[in-house]
PDB file of N, CA and C in Angstrom:
ATOM      1  N   MET A   1       6.173 -20.888 -11.205  1.00  0.00           N
ATOM      2  CA  MET A   1       5.196 -21.826 -10.689  1.00  0.00           C
ATOM      3  C   MET A   1       5.235 -21.874  -9.161  1.00  0.00           C
ATOM      4  N   PHE A   2       6.457 -21.853  -8.610  1.00  0.00           N
ATOM      5  CA  PHE A   2       6.630 -21.915  -7.161  1.00  0.00           C
ATOM      6  C   PHE A   2       5.979 -20.716  -6.476  1.00  0.00           C
ATOM      7  N   ALA A   3       6.130 -19.519  -7.068  1.00  0.00           N
ATOM      8  CA  ALA A   3       5.565 -18.298  -6.484  1.00  0.00           C
ATOM      9  C   ALA A   3       4.044 -18.333  -6.494  1.00  0.00           C
ATOM     10  N   LEU A   4       3.444 -18.945  -7.491  1.00  0.00           N
ATOM     11  CA  LEU A   4       1.990 -19.016  -7.581  1.00  0.00           C
ATOM     12  C   LEU A   4       1.399 -19.828  -6.426  1.00  0.00           C
ATOM     13  N   GLU A   5       2.129 -20.811  -5.942  1.00  0.00           N
ATOM     14  CA  GLU A   5       1.663 -21.607  -4.805  1.00  0.00           C
ATOM     15  C   GLU A   5       1.538 -20.736  -3.553  1.00  0.00           C
ATOM     16  N   PHE A   6       2.488 -19.809  -3.362  1.00  0.00           N
ATOM     17  CA  PHE A   6       2.445 -18.928  -2.206  1.00  0.00           C
ATOM     18  C   PHE A   6       1.297 -17.936  -2.302  1.00  0.00           C
ATOM     19  N   LEU A   7       0.984 -17.473  -3.503  1.00  0.00           N
ATOM     20  CA  LEU A   7      -0.103 -16.507  -3.686  1.00  0.00           C
ATOM     21  C   LEU A   7      -1.447 -17.090  -3.257  1.00  0.00           C
ATOM     22  N   LYS A   8      -1.601 -18.390  -3.359  1.00  0.00           N
ATOM     23  CA  LYS A   8      -2.849 -19.039  -2.947  1.00  0.00           C
ATOM     24  C   LYS A   8      -3.080 -18.906  -1.445  1.00  0.00           C
ATOM     25  N   HIS A   9      -2.001 -18.694  -0.685  1.00  0.00           N
ATOM     26  CA  HIS A   9      -2.086 -18.644   0.771  1.00  0.00           C
ATOM     27  C   HIS A   9      -2.068 -17.219   1.315  1.00  0.00           C
ATOM     28  N   ILE A  10      -2.264 -16.231   0.453  1.00  0.00           N
ATOM     29  CA  ILE A  10      -2.341 -14.837   0.876  1.00  0.00           C
ATOM     30  C   ILE A  10      -3.796 -14.397   0.765  1.00  0.00           C
ATOM     31  N   LYS A  11      -4.337 -13.924   1.865  1.00  0.00           N
ATOM     32  CA  LYS A  11      -5.732 -13.472   1.913  1.00  0.00           C
ATOM     33  C   LYS A  11      -5.749 -11.956   2.074  1.00  0.00           C
ATOM     34  N   VAL A  12      -6.427 -11.265   1.161  1.00  0.00           N
ATOM     35  CA  VAL A  12      -6.551  -9.800   1.214  1.00  0.00           C
ATOM     36  C   VAL A  12      -8.016  -9.472   1.402  1.00  0.00           C
ATOM     37  N   ARG A  13      -8.292  -8.627   2.420  1.00  0.00           N
ATOM     38  CA  ARG A  13      -9.668  -8.255   2.705  1.00  0.00           C
ATOM     39  C   ARG A  13      -9.748  -6.758   2.970  1.00  0.00           C
ATOM     40  N   GLN A  14     -10.660  -6.104   2.270  1.00  0.00           N
ATOM     41  CA  GLN A  14     -10.881  -4.682   2.515  1.00  0.00           C
ATOM     42  C   GLN A  14     -11.683  -4.549   3.805  1.00  0.00           C
ATOM     43  N   ILE A  15     -11.166  -3.765   4.762  1.00  0.00           N
ATOM     44  CA  ILE A  15     -11.858  -3.654   6.043  1.00  0.00           C
ATOM     45  C   ILE A  15     -12.546  -2.299   6.226  1.00  0.00           C
ATOM     46  N   GLU A  16     -12.141  -1.302   5.438  1.00  0.00           N
ATOM     47  CA  GLU A  16     -12.811  -0.010   5.523  1.00  0.00           C
ATOM     48  C   GLU A  16     -12.634   0.731   4.210  1.00  0.00           C
ATOM     49  N   LYS A  17     -13.702   1.431   3.814  1.00  0.00           N
ATOM     50  CA  LYS A  17     -13.692   2.203   2.569  1.00  0.00           C
ATOM     51  C   LYS A  17     -14.182   3.612   2.890  1.00  0.00           C
ATOM     52  N   ARG A  18     -13.349   4.596   2.612  1.00  0.00           N
ATOM     53  CA  ARG A  18     -13.727   5.990   2.846  1.00  0.00           C
ATOM     54  C   ARG A  18     -13.775   6.713   1.495  1.00  0.00           C
ATOM     55  N   PRO A  19     -14.959   7.145   1.058  1.00  0.00           N
ATOM     56  CA  PRO A  19     -15.068   7.825  -0.238  1.00  0.00           C
ATOM     57  C   PRO A  19     -14.271   9.129  -0.294  1.00  0.00           C
ATOM     58  N   GLU A  20     -14.104   9.783   0.853  1.00  0.00           N
ATOM     59  CA  GLU A  20     -13.279  10.990   0.899  1.00  0.00           C
ATOM     60  C   GLU A  20     -12.615  11.095   2.264  1.00  0.00           C
ATOM     61  N   ASP A  21     -11.306  11.247   2.245  1.00  0.00           N
ATOM     62  CA  ASP A  21     -10.532  11.404   3.472  1.00  0.00           C
ATOM     63  C   ASP A  21      -9.302  12.235   3.133  1.00  0.00           C
ATOM     64  N   THR A  22      -8.563  12.622   4.150  1.00  0.00           N
ATOM     65  CA  THR A  22      -7.385  13.455   3.966  1.00  0.00           C
ATOM     66  C   THR A  22      -6.164  12.761   4.535  1.00  0.00           C
ATOM     67  N   TRP A  23      -5.008  12.917   3.883  1.00  0.00           N
ATOM     68  CA  TRP A  23      -3.745  12.375   4.352  1.00  0.00           C
ATOM     69  C   TRP A  23      -2.635  13.359   3.998  1.00  0.00           C
ATOM     70  N   TYR A  24      -1.487  13.200   4.634  1.00  0.00           N
ATOM     71  CA  TYR A  24      -0.336  14.051   4.347  1.00  0.00           C
ATOM     72  C   TYR A  24       0.555  13.339   3.351  1.00  0.00           C
ATOM     73  N   ASP A  25       0.807  13.978   2.217  1.00  0.00           N
ATOM     74  CA  ASP A  25       1.664  13.421   1.175  1.00  0.00           C
ATOM     75  C   ASP A  25       3.085  13.925   1.413  1.00  0.00           C
ATOM     76  N   MET A  26       3.976  13.017   1.795  1.00  0.00           N
ATOM     77  CA  MET A  26       5.360  13.396   2.108  1.00  0.00           C
ATOM     78  C   MET A  26       6.106  13.903   0.875  1.00  0.00           C
ATOM     79  N   ALA A  27       5.821  13.336  -0.290  1.00  0.00           N
ATOM     80  CA  ALA A  27       6.516  13.746  -1.509  1.00  0.00           C
ATOM     81  C   ALA A  27       6.139  15.173  -1.912  1.00  0.00           C
ATOM     82  N   MET A  28       4.864  15.513  -1.773  1.00  0.00           N
ATOM     83  CA  MET A  28       4.392  16.843  -2.153  1.00  0.00           C
ATOM     84  C   MET A  28       4.428  17.830  -0.981  1.00  0.00           C
ATOM     85  N   ARG A  29       4.635  17.290   0.222  1.00  0.00           N
ATOM     86  CA  ARG A  29       4.668  18.093   1.449  1.00  0.00           C
ATOM     87  C   ARG A  29       3.398  18.923   1.634  1.00  0.00           C
ATOM     88  N   GLN A  30       2.263  18.247   1.485  1.00  0.00           N
ATOM     89  CA  GLN A  30       0.982  18.918   1.674  1.00  0.00           C
ATOM     90  C   GLN A  30      -0.122  17.912   1.947  1.00  0.00           C
ATOM     91  N   LEU A  31      -1.224  18.427   2.483  1.00  0.00           N
ATOM     92  CA  LEU A  31      -2.394  17.588   2.703  1.00  0.00           C
ATOM     93  C   LEU A  31      -3.082  17.319   1.376  1.00  0.00           C
ATOM     94  N   ARG A  32      -3.513  16.083   1.201  1.00  0.00           N
ATOM     95  CA  ARG A  32      -4.214  15.684  -0.021  1.00  0.00           C
ATOM     96  C   ARG A  32      -5.554  15.086   0.382  1.00  0.00           C
ATOM     97  N   THR A  33      -6.510  15.126  -0.534  1.00  0.00           N
ATOM     98  CA  THR A  33      -7.837  14.578  -0.297  1.00  0.00           C
ATOM     99  C   THR A  33      -8.184  13.610  -1.410  1.00  0.00           C
ATOM    100  N   GLY A  34      -8.823  12.501  -1.038  1.00  0.00           N
ATOM    101  CA  GLY A  34      -9.248  11.514  -2.028  1.00  0.00           C
ATOM    102  C   GLY A  34      -9.805  10.282  -1.352  1.00  0.00           C
ATOM    103  N   LYS A  35      -9.939   9.223  -2.133  1.00  0.00           N
ATOM    104  CA  LYS A  35     -10.451   7.956  -1.612  1.00  0.00           C
ATOM    105  C   LYS A  35      -9.370   7.262  -0.784  1.00  0.00           C
ATOM    106  N   VAL A  36      -9.788   6.683   0.343  1.00  0.00           N
ATOM    107  CA  VAL A  36      -8.862   5.945   1.201  1.00  0.00           C
ATOM    108  C   VAL A  36      -9.493   4.600   1.549  1.00  0.00           C
ATOM    109  N   ASN A  37      -8.724   3.541   1.384  1.00  0.00           N
ATOM    110  CA  ASN A  37      -9.172   2.198   1.718  1.00  0.00           C
ATOM    111  C   ASN A  37      -8.155   1.542   2.639  1.00  0.00           C
ATOM    112  N   PHE A  38      -8.651   0.719   3.563  1.00  0.00           N
ATOM    113  CA  PHE A  38      -7.794  -0.038   4.462  1.00  0.00           C
ATOM    114  C   PHE A  38      -7.947  -1.522   4.138  1.00  0.00           C
ATOM    115  N   TYR A  39      -6.818  -2.225   4.094  1.00  0.00           N
ATOM    116  CA  TYR A  39      -6.820  -3.648   3.767  1.00  0.00           C
ATOM    117  C   TYR A  39      -6.064  -4.434   4.829  1.00  0.00           C
ATOM    118  N   ARG A  40      -6.609  -5.574   5.206  1.00  0.00           N
ATOM    119  CA  ARG A  40      -5.924  -6.517   6.080  1.00  0.00           C
ATOM    120  C   ARG A  40      -5.444  -7.665   5.195  1.00  0.00           C
ATOM    121  N   VAL A  41      -4.166  -7.965   5.314  1.00  0.00           N
ATOM    122  CA  VAL A  41      -3.561  -9.026   4.514  1.00  0.00           C
ATOM    123  C   VAL A  41      -3.040 -10.094   5.465  1.00  0.00           C
ATOM    124  N   LYS A  42      -3.449 -11.333   5.218  1.00  0.00           N
ATOM    125  CA  LYS A  42      -2.951 -12.471   5.999  1.00  0.00           C
ATOM    126  C   LYS A  42      -2.073 -13.313   5.089  1.00  0.00           C
ATOM    127  N   ASP A  43      -0.805 -13.370   5.455  1.00  0.00           N
ATOM    128  CA  ASP A  43       0.176 -14.147   4.701  1.00  0.00           C
ATOM    129  C   ASP A  43       0.662 -15.271   5.616  1.00  0.00           C
ATOM    130  N   PHE A  44       0.537 -16.497   5.164  1.00  0.00           N
ATOM    131  CA  PHE A  44       0.872 -17.620   6.039  1.00  0.00           C
ATOM    132  C   PHE A  44       2.367 -17.687   6.348  1.00  0.00           C
ATOM    133  N   LEU A  45       3.226 -17.052   5.555  1.00  0.00           N
ATOM    134  CA  LEU A  45       4.660 -17.066   5.832  1.00  0.00           C
ATOM    135  C   LEU A  45       5.077 -15.990   6.831  1.00  0.00           C
ATOM    136  N   THR A  46       4.508 -14.771   6.683  1.00  0.00           N
ATOM    137  CA  THR A  46       4.982 -13.649   7.497  1.00  0.00           C
ATOM    138  C   THR A  46       4.024 -13.247   8.603  1.00  0.00           C
ATOM    139  N   GLY A  47       2.726 -13.375   8.385  1.00  0.00           N
ATOM    140  CA  GLY A  47       1.752 -12.995   9.395  1.00  0.00           C
ATOM    141  C   GLY A  47       0.731 -11.997   8.870  1.00  0.00           C
ATOM    142  N   GLU A  48       0.212 -11.157   9.781  1.00  0.00           N
ATOM    143  CA  GLU A  48      -0.840 -10.204   9.427  1.00  0.00           C
ATOM    144  C   GLU A  48      -0.269  -8.821   9.159  1.00  0.00           C
ATOM    145  N   TRP A  49      -0.807  -8.175   8.127  1.00  0.00           N
ATOM    146  CA  TRP A  49      -0.415  -6.829   7.728  1.00  0.00           C
ATOM    147  C   TRP A  49      -1.667  -5.956   7.678  1.00  0.00           C
ATOM    148  N   LEU A  50      -1.484  -4.653   7.849  1.00  0.00           N
ATOM    149  CA  LEU A  50      -2.563  -3.687   7.671  1.00  0.00           C
ATOM    150  C   LEU A  50      -2.025  -2.571   6.785  1.00  0.00           C
ATOM    151  N   PHE A  51      -2.707  -2.339   5.654  1.00  0.00           N
ATOM    152  CA  PHE A  51      -2.277  -1.337   4.685  1.00  0.00           C
ATOM    153  C   PHE A  51      -3.336  -0.258   4.512  1.00  0.00           C
ATOM    154  N   LYS A  52      -2.871   0.965   4.277  1.00  0.00           N
ATOM    155  CA  LYS A  52      -3.736   2.095   3.968  1.00  0.00           C
ATOM    156  C   LYS A  52      -3.408   2.523   2.540  1.00  0.00           C
ATOM    157  N   LEU A  53      -4.427   2.533   1.686  1.00  0.00           N
ATOM    158  CA  LEU A  53      -4.252   2.896   0.289  1.00  0.00           C
ATOM    159  C   LEU A  53      -4.951   4.231   0.041  1.00  0.00           C
ATOM    160  N   CYS A  54      -4.187   5.256  -0.327  1.00  0.00           N
ATOM    161  CA  CYS A  54      -4.705   6.609  -0.562  1.00  0.00           C
ATOM    162  C   CYS A  54      -4.658   6.900  -2.054  1.00  0.00           C
ATOM    163  N   ASN A  55      -5.819   7.150  -2.642  1.00  0.00           N
ATOM    164  CA  ASN A  55      -5.938   7.351  -4.081  1.00  0.00           C
ATOM    165  C   ASN A  55      -6.093   8.838  -4.378  1.00  0.00           C
ATOM    166  N   ASP A  56      -5.062   9.430  -4.955  1.00  0.00           N
ATOM    167  CA  ASP A  56      -5.073  10.846  -5.334  1.00  0.00           C
ATOM    168  C   ASP A  56      -5.372  10.928  -6.827  1.00  0.00           C
ATOM    169  N   GLU A  57      -6.648  11.056  -7.171  1.00  0.00           N
ATOM    170  CA  GLU A  57      -7.054  11.053  -8.579  1.00  0.00           C
ATOM    171  C   GLU A  57      -6.575  12.298  -9.322  1.00  0.00           C
ATOM    172  N   GLU A  58      -6.448  13.410  -8.615  1.00  0.00           N
ATOM    173  CA  GLU A  58      -5.994  14.655  -9.243  1.00  0.00           C
ATOM    174  C   GLU A  58      -4.562  14.529  -9.764  1.00  0.00           C
ATOM    175  N   GLN A  59      -3.685  13.944  -8.955  1.00  0.00           N
ATOM    176  CA  GLN A  59      -2.285  13.764  -9.334  1.00  0.00           C
ATOM    177  C   GLN A  59      -2.024  12.416 -10.012  1.00  0.00           C
ATOM    178  N   LYS A  60      -3.051  11.575 -10.093  1.00  0.00           N
ATOM    179  CA  LYS A  60      -2.942  10.230 -10.668  1.00  0.00           C
ATOM    180  C   LYS A  60      -1.839   9.436  -9.975  1.00  0.00           C
ATOM    181  N   ARG A  61      -1.950   9.386  -8.626  1.00  0.00           N
ATOM    182  CA  ARG A  61      -0.979   8.680  -7.801  1.00  0.00           C
ATOM    183  C   ARG A  61      -1.705   7.909  -6.706  1.00  0.00           C
ATOM    184  N   ILE A  62      -1.101   6.815  -6.293  1.00  0.00           N
ATOM    185  CA  ILE A  62      -1.623   6.021  -5.185  1.00  0.00           C
ATOM    186  C   ILE A  62      -0.499   5.854  -4.172  1.00  0.00           C
ATOM    187  N   THR A  63      -0.804   6.177  -2.921  1.00  0.00           N
ATOM    188  CA  THR A  63       0.156   5.994  -1.838  1.00  0.00           C
ATOM    189  C   THR A  63      -0.282   4.792  -1.021  1.00  0.00           C
ATOM    190  N   LEU A  64       0.620   3.858  -0.828  1.00  0.00           N
ATOM    191  CA  LEU A  64       0.352   2.649  -0.055  1.00  0.00           C
ATOM    192  C   LEU A  64       1.226   2.688   1.190  1.00  0.00           C
ATOM    193  N   LYS A  65       0.597   2.671   2.368  1.00  0.00           N
ATOM    194  CA  LYS A  65       1.331   2.770   3.623  1.00  0.00           C
ATOM    195  C   LYS A  65       1.129   1.508   4.452  1.00  0.00           C
ATOM    196  N   ALA A  66       2.222   0.966   4.957  1.00  0.00           N
ATOM    197  CA  ALA A  66       2.167  -0.186   5.856  1.00  0.00           C
ATOM    198  C   ALA A  66       1.882   0.338   7.259  1.00  0.00           C
ATOM    199  N   ILE A  67       0.651   0.175   7.706  1.00  0.00           N
ATOM    200  CA  ILE A  67       0.245   0.669   9.016  1.00  0.00           C
ATOM    201  C   ILE A  67       0.710  -0.274  10.125  1.00  0.00           C
ATOM    202  N   LYS A  68       0.486  -1.571   9.925  1.00  0.00           N
ATOM    203  CA  LYS A  68       0.853  -2.572  10.933  1.00  0.00           C
ATOM    204  C   LYS A  68       1.526  -3.734  10.225  1.00  0.00           C
ATOM    205  N   CYS A  69       2.675  -4.119  10.747  1.00  0.00           N
ATOM    206  CA  CYS A  69       3.442  -5.214  10.166  1.00  0.00           C
ATOM    207  C   CYS A  69       3.537  -6.373  11.157  1.00  0.00           C
ATOM    208  N   PRO A  70       3.914  -7.558  10.669  1.00  0.00           N
ATOM    209  CA  PRO A  70       4.092  -8.698  11.573  1.00  0.00           C
ATOM    210  C   PRO A  70       5.204  -8.439  12.594  1.00  0.00           C
ATOM    211  N   VAL A  71       5.189  -9.204  13.656  1.00  0.00           N
ATOM    212  CA  VAL A  71       6.189  -9.097  14.712  1.00  0.00           C
ATOM    213  C   VAL A  71       7.548  -9.517  14.174  1.00  0.00           C
ATOM    214  N   GLY A  72       8.583  -8.858  14.620  1.00  0.00           N
ATOM    215  CA  GLY A  72       9.940  -9.266  14.256  1.00  0.00           C
ATOM    216  C   GLY A  72      10.796  -8.111  13.785  1.00  0.00           C
ATOM    217  N   ILE A  73      12.087  -8.287  13.907  1.00  0.00           N
ATOM    218  CA  ILE A  73      13.035  -7.234  13.560  1.00  0.00           C
ATOM    219  C   ILE A  73      13.041  -6.930  12.059  1.00  0.00           C
ATOM    220  N   LEU A  74      12.804  -7.943  11.231  1.00  0.00           N
ATOM    221  CA  LEU A  74      12.802  -7.724   9.784  1.00  0.00           C
ATOM    222  C   LEU A  74      11.672  -6.804   9.342  1.00  0.00           C
ATOM    223  N   PHE A  75      10.506  -6.957   9.943  1.00  0.00           N
ATOM    224  CA  PHE A  75       9.338  -6.195   9.505  1.00  0.00           C
ATOM    225  C   PHE A  75       9.175  -4.872  10.245  1.00  0.00           C
ATOM    226  N   SER A  76       9.828  -4.725  11.395  1.00  0.00           N
ATOM    227  CA  SER A  76       9.685  -3.487  12.168  1.00  0.00           C
ATOM    228  C   SER A  76      10.175  -2.275  11.378  1.00  0.00           C
ATOM    229  N   GLN A  77      11.120  -2.488  10.476  1.00  0.00           N
ATOM    230  CA  GLN A  77      11.639  -1.402   9.658  1.00  0.00           C
ATOM    231  C   GLN A  77      10.647  -0.944   8.588  1.00  0.00           C
ATOM    232  N   LEU A  78       9.674  -1.783   8.265  1.00  0.00           N
ATOM    233  CA  LEU A  78       8.693  -1.448   7.225  1.00  0.00           C
ATOM    234  C   LEU A  78       7.478  -0.715   7.772  1.00  0.00           C
ATOM    235  N   GLU A  79       7.230  -0.844   9.071  1.00  0.00           N
ATOM    236  CA  GLU A  79       6.043  -0.232   9.661  1.00  0.00           C
ATOM    237  C   GLU A  79       6.105   1.286   9.527  1.00  0.00           C
ATOM    238  N   GLY A  80       5.053   1.859   8.950  1.00  0.00           N
ATOM    239  CA  GLY A  80       4.980   3.297   8.735  1.00  0.00           C
ATOM    240  C   GLY A  80       5.572   3.755   7.410  1.00  0.00           C
ATOM    241  N   LYS A  81       6.198   2.871   6.684  1.00  0.00           N
ATOM    242  CA  LYS A  81       6.805   3.230   5.400  1.00  0.00           C
ATOM    243  C   LYS A  81       5.755   3.257   4.298  1.00  0.00           C
ATOM    244  N   THR A  82       6.039   4.011   3.242  1.00  0.00           N
ATOM    245  CA  THR A  82       5.087   4.148   2.139  1.00  0.00           C
ATOM    246  C   THR A  82       5.737   3.795   0.807  1.00  0.00           C
ATOM    247  N   MET A  83       4.885   3.438  -0.133  1.00  0.00           N
ATOM    248  CA  MET A  83       5.281   3.254  -1.528  1.00  0.00           C
ATOM    249  C   MET A  83       4.380   4.168  -2.352  1.00  0.00           C
ATOM    250  N   LEU A  84       4.945   4.803  -3.344  1.00  0.00           N
ATOM    251  CA  LEU A  84       4.204   5.738  -4.182  1.00  0.00           C
ATOM    252  C   LEU A  84       4.089   5.165  -5.589  1.00  0.00           C
ATOM    253  N   PHE A  85       2.858   4.899  -6.005  1.00  0.00           N
ATOM    254  CA  PHE A  85       2.586   4.372  -7.346  1.00  0.00           C
ATOM    255  C   PHE A  85       2.088   5.518  -8.219  1.00  0.00           C
ATOM    256  N   GLN A  86       2.699   5.676  -9.384  1.00  0.00           N
ATOM    257  CA  GLN A  86       2.353   6.761 -10.290  1.00  0.00           C
ATOM    258  C   GLN A  86       1.726   6.219 -11.561  1.00  0.00           C
ATOM    259  N   ASP A  87       0.999   7.090 -12.248  1.00  0.00           N
ATOM    260  CA  ASP A  87       0.311   6.720 -13.471  1.00  0.00           C
ATOM    261  C   ASP A  87       1.311   6.236 -14.521  1.00  0.00           C
ATOM    262  N   SER A  88       0.979   5.159 -15.184  1.00  0.00           N
ATOM    263  CA  SER A  88       1.824   4.577 -16.217  1.00  0.00           C
ATOM    264  C   SER A  88       1.384   5.073 -17.589  1.00  0.00           C
ATOM    265  N   ILE A  89       2.240   4.873 -18.589  1.00  0.00           N
ATOM    266  CA  ILE A  89       1.838   5.216 -19.951  1.00  0.00           C
ATOM    267  C   ILE A  89       0.826   4.204 -20.492  1.00  0.00           C
ATOM    268  N   ILE A  90       0.708   3.055 -19.809  1.00  0.00           N
ATOM    269  CA  ILE A  90      -0.292   2.052 -20.165  1.00  0.00           C
ATOM    270  C   ILE A  90      -1.545   2.350 -19.349  1.00  0.00           C
ATOM    271  N   ASP A  91      -2.651   2.591 -20.029  1.00  0.00           N
ATOM    272  CA  ASP A  91      -3.891   2.975 -19.359  1.00  0.00           C
ATOM    273  C   ASP A  91      -4.303   1.983 -18.285  1.00  0.00           C
ATOM    274  N   GLY A  92      -4.680   2.522 -17.113  1.00  0.00           N
ATOM    275  CA  GLY A  92      -5.181   1.707 -16.018  1.00  0.00           C
ATOM    276  C   GLY A  92      -4.108   1.057 -15.158  1.00  0.00           C
ATOM    277  N   LEU A  93      -2.843   1.262 -15.474  1.00  0.00           N
ATOM    278  CA  LEU A  93      -1.763   0.663 -14.700  1.00  0.00           C
ATOM    279  C   LEU A  93      -0.944   1.738 -13.988  1.00  0.00           C
ATOM    280  N   TYR A  94      -0.344   1.353 -12.859  1.00  0.00           N
ATOM    281  CA  TYR A  94       0.514   2.240 -12.095  1.00  0.00           C
ATOM    282  C   TYR A  94       1.859   1.562 -11.909  1.00  0.00           C
ATOM    283  N   TYR A  95       2.904   2.365 -11.609  1.00  0.00           N
ATOM    284  CA  TYR A  95       4.220   1.790 -11.361  1.00  0.00           C
ATOM    285  C   TYR A  95       4.828   2.435 -10.126  1.00  0.00           C
ATOM    286  N   ASP A  96       5.802   1.755  -9.542  1.00  0.00           N
ATOM    287  CA  ASP A  96       6.530   2.248  -8.388  1.00  0.00           C
ATOM    288  C   ASP A  96       8.018   2.099  -8.675  1.00  0.00           C
ATOM    289  N   VAL A  97       8.778   3.157  -8.447  1.00  0.00           N
ATOM    290  CA  VAL A  97      10.219   3.105  -8.618  1.00  0.00           C
ATOM    291  C   VAL A  97      10.817   2.603  -7.310  1.00  0.00           C
ATOM    292  N   ILE A  98      11.559   1.522  -7.385  1.00  0.00           N
ATOM    293  CA  ILE A  98      12.189   0.940  -6.208  1.00  0.00           C
ATOM    294  C   ILE A  98      13.699   1.157  -6.322  1.00  0.00           C
ATOM    295  N   SER A  99      14.289   1.722  -5.279  1.00  0.00           N
ATOM    296  CA  SER A  99      15.721   1.938  -5.286  1.00  0.00           C
ATOM    297  C   SER A  99      16.333   1.216  -4.090  1.00  0.00           C
ATOM    298  N   LEU A 100      17.479   0.644  -4.317  1.00  0.00           N
ATOM    299  CA  LEU A 100      18.196  -0.085  -3.271  1.00  0.00           C
ATOM    300  C   LEU A 100      19.545   0.550  -3.048  1.00  0.00           C
ATOM    301  N   THR A 101      19.980   0.581  -1.799  1.00  0.00           N
ATOM    302  CA  THR A 101      21.303   1.138  -1.515  1.00  0.00           C
ATOM    303  C   THR A 101      22.342   0.064  -1.419  1.00  0.00           C
TER     304      THR A 101
END
């Protein structure tokens, strides 16, 4: 219940939609082509974020990159980092493997 209160204060807005664009996929070590969308996220706790979402329909993968993060030492480590979402066995859903050291 507590987490749902915070979600009410997060605003996500698509600021650009590219039907076809190219990006470098670090996992595959090659250029990929597909749909690319940019989103601005305003979170009242952390600040403003800018994300780039690259949809690779051929490989059934989505790459999410943090382009711009809020000011501060905690978030500076996330700027430029990516998350890779892969096709799930459940239709229409994707998953991301998160590993911690």
